[in-house]
């Protein structure tokens, strides 16, 4: 017997969260300030993707010193205080 339209359980995957990561990468004597957006569910996934990004960006470097300045989930609601009343988010 086949399932009807009502019998099918539609399971929706939760959308990935948007994370902003700001960091400084120092290779030898050169420091580069980075700002990137990563889509992941949890902080562990963000860290893994950041490591992948560092490996692909600095593939020739033997050692990279990384200082993470900010790693946080992007808010879905805009903070009106940042707009100083000039714009409507």
C-alpha atoms as a PDB file:
ATOM      1  CA  UNK A   1       0.000   0.000   0.000  1.00  0.00           C
ATOM      2  CA  UNK A   2       1.350   3.413  -0.896  1.00  0.00           C
ATOM      3  CA  UNK A   3       1.466   6.354   1.454  1.00  0.00           C
ATOM      4  CA  UNK A   4      -0.914   9.219   0.934  1.00  0.00           C
ATOM      5  CA  UNK A   5       0.154  12.855   1.063  1.00  0.00           C
ATOM      6  CA  UNK A   6      -0.969  13.090   4.704  1.00  0.00           C
ATOM      7  CA  UNK A   7       1.009   9.973   5.699  1.00  0.00           C
ATOM      8  CA  UNK A   8       4.364  11.405   4.724  1.00  0.00           C
ATOM      9  CA  UNK A   9       6.247  12.966   7.634  1.00  0.00           C
ATOM     10  CA  UNK A  10       7.985  16.065   6.330  1.00  0.00           C
ATOM     11  CA  UNK A  11      11.044  16.574   8.460  1.00  0.00           C
ATOM     12  CA  UNK A  12      12.701  19.884   7.883  1.00  0.00           C
ATOM     13  CA  UNK A  13      16.341  20.327   8.753  1.00  0.00           C
ATOM     14  CA  UNK A  14      17.079  23.307  10.920  1.00  0.00           C
ATOM     15  CA  UNK A  15      18.765  26.054   8.938  1.00  0.00           C
ATOM     16  CA  UNK A  16      22.424  26.626   9.719  1.00  0.00           C
ATOM     17  CA  UNK A  17      23.252  29.509  12.014  1.00  0.00           C
ATOM     18  CA  UNK A  18      25.292  32.411  10.747  1.00  0.00           C
ATOM     19  CA  UNK A  19      28.465  33.130  12.723  1.00  0.00           C
ATOM     20  CA  UNK A  20      30.807  36.075  12.407  1.00  0.00           C
ATOM     21  CA  UNK A  21      34.461  35.385  13.146  1.00  0.00           C
ATOM     22  CA  UNK A  22      37.033  38.144  13.454  1.00  0.00           C
ATOM     23  CA  UNK A  23      40.638  37.131  13.894  1.00  0.00           C
ATOM     24  CA  UNK A  24      44.243  38.126  13.308  1.00  0.00           C
ATOM     25  CA  UNK A  25      46.533  35.648  11.579  1.00  0.00           C
ATOM     26  CA  UNK A  26      50.268  36.152  12.021  1.00  0.00           C
ATOM     27  CA  UNK A  27      52.613  34.339   9.662  1.00  0.00           C
ATOM     28  CA  UNK A  28      56.294  35.059  10.293  1.00  0.00           C
ATOM     29  CA  UNK A  29      56.338  38.869  10.736  1.00  0.00           C
ATOM     30  CA  UNK A  30      53.158  39.658   8.777  1.00  0.00           C
ATOM     31  CA  UNK A  31      49.812  40.112  10.545  1.00  0.00           C
ATOM     32  CA  UNK A  32      46.538  40.069   8.619  1.00  0.00           C
ATOM     33  CA  UNK A  33      43.196  41.070  10.108  1.00  0.00           C
ATOM     34  CA  UNK A  34      40.329  38.835   8.875  1.00  0.00           C
ATOM     35  CA  UNK A  35      36.549  39.042   9.131  1.00  0.00           C
ATOM     36  CA  UNK A  36      34.574  36.056   7.878  1.00  0.00           C
ATOM     37  CA  UNK A  37      31.060  34.654   8.022  1.00  0.00           C
ATOM     38  CA  UNK A  38      30.659  30.919   8.621  1.00  0.00           C
ATOM     39  CA  UNK A  39      27.467  28.889   8.423  1.00  0.00           C
ATOM     40  CA  UNK A  40      27.319  26.128  11.032  1.00  0.00           C
ATOM     41  CA  UNK A  41      25.129  24.716  13.767  1.00  0.00           C
ATOM     42  CA  UNK A  42      27.478  24.731  16.756  1.00  0.00           C
ATOM     43  CA  UNK A  43      30.687  26.410  17.908  1.00  0.00           C
ATOM     44  CA  UNK A  44      32.685  23.206  17.273  1.00  0.00           C
ATOM     45  CA  UNK A  45      31.617  23.276  13.619  1.00  0.00           C
ATOM     46  CA  UNK A  46      32.638  26.936  13.362  1.00  0.00           C
ATOM     47  CA  UNK A  47      36.087  26.135  14.749  1.00  0.00           C
ATOM     48  CA  UNK A  48      36.544  23.261  12.288  1.00  0.00           C
ATOM     49  CA  UNK A  49      35.534  25.437   9.337  1.00  0.00           C
ATOM     50  CA  UNK A  50      37.862  28.191  10.528  1.00  0.00           C
ATOM     51  CA  UNK A  51      40.729  25.692  10.620  1.00  0.00           C
ATOM     52  CA  UNK A  52      39.868  24.631   7.056  1.00  0.00           C
ATOM     53  CA  UNK A  53      39.848  28.281   5.985  1.00  0.00           C
ATOM     54  CA  UNK A  54      43.246  28.881   7.585  1.00  0.00           C
ATOM     55  CA  UNK A  55      44.737  25.787   5.937  1.00  0.00           C
ATOM     56  CA  UNK A  56      43.491  26.828   2.496  1.00  0.00           C
ATOM     57  CA  UNK A  57      44.476  30.497   2.903  1.00  0.00           C
ATOM     58  CA  UNK A  58      47.945  29.886   4.357  1.00  0.00           C
ATOM     59  CA  UNK A  59      48.744  26.513   2.780  1.00  0.00           C
ATOM     60  CA  UNK A  60      52.470  27.297   2.467  1.00  0.00           C
ATOM     61  CA  UNK A  61      52.943  28.478   6.048  1.00  0.00           C
ATOM     62  CA  UNK A  62      54.671  26.141   8.486  1.00  0.00           C
ATOM     63  CA  UNK A  63      53.244  27.985  11.506  1.00  0.00           C
ATOM     64  CA  UNK A  64      50.293  30.370  11.906  1.00  0.00           C
ATOM     65  CA  UNK A  65      49.624  32.318  15.082  1.00  0.00           C
ATOM     66  CA  UNK A  66      45.890  33.051  15.303  1.00  0.00           C
ATOM     67  CA  UNK A  67      44.198  35.425  17.722  1.00  0.00           C
ATOM     68  CA  UNK A  68      40.392  35.204  17.626  1.00  0.00           C
ATOM     69  CA  UNK A  69      38.907  38.581  18.487  1.00  0.00           C
ATOM     70  CA  UNK A  70      35.264  37.682  18.051  1.00  0.00           C
ATOM     71  CA  UNK A  71      33.322  34.493  17.338  1.00  0.00           C
ATOM     72  CA  UNK A  72      29.592  34.902  17.795  1.00  0.00           C
ATOM     73  CA  UNK A  73      26.287  33.971  16.282  1.00  0.00           C
ATOM     74  CA  UNK A  74      24.720  36.718  14.174  1.00  0.00           C
ATOM     75  CA  UNK A  75      21.504  38.051  15.673  1.00  0.00           C
ATOM     76  CA  UNK A  76      18.396  37.617  13.587  1.00  0.00           C
ATOM     77  CA  UNK A  77      16.873  40.806  14.965  1.00  0.00           C
ATOM     78  CA  UNK A  78      18.690  44.025  14.169  1.00  0.00           C
ATOM     79  CA  UNK A  79      19.791  46.111  17.125  1.00  0.00           C
ATOM     80  CA  UNK A  80      18.089  49.469  16.595  1.00  0.00           C
ATOM     81  CA  UNK A  81      20.651  51.247  18.815  1.00  0.00           C
ATOM     82  CA  UNK A  82      23.315  50.813  16.102  1.00  0.00           C
ATOM     83  CA  UNK A  83      21.293  52.889  13.634  1.00  0.00           C
ATOM     84  CA  UNK A  84      21.036  56.069  15.772  1.00  0.00           C
ATOM     85  CA  UNK A  85      17.493  56.661  14.537  1.00  0.00           C
ATOM     86  CA  UNK A  86      18.767  57.452  11.026  1.00  0.00           C
ATOM     87  CA  UNK A  87      17.567  54.209   9.438  1.00  0.00           C
ATOM     88  CA  UNK A  88      14.913  51.627  10.063  1.00  0.00           C
ATOM     89  CA  UNK A  89      16.351  48.122  10.172  1.00  0.00           C
END
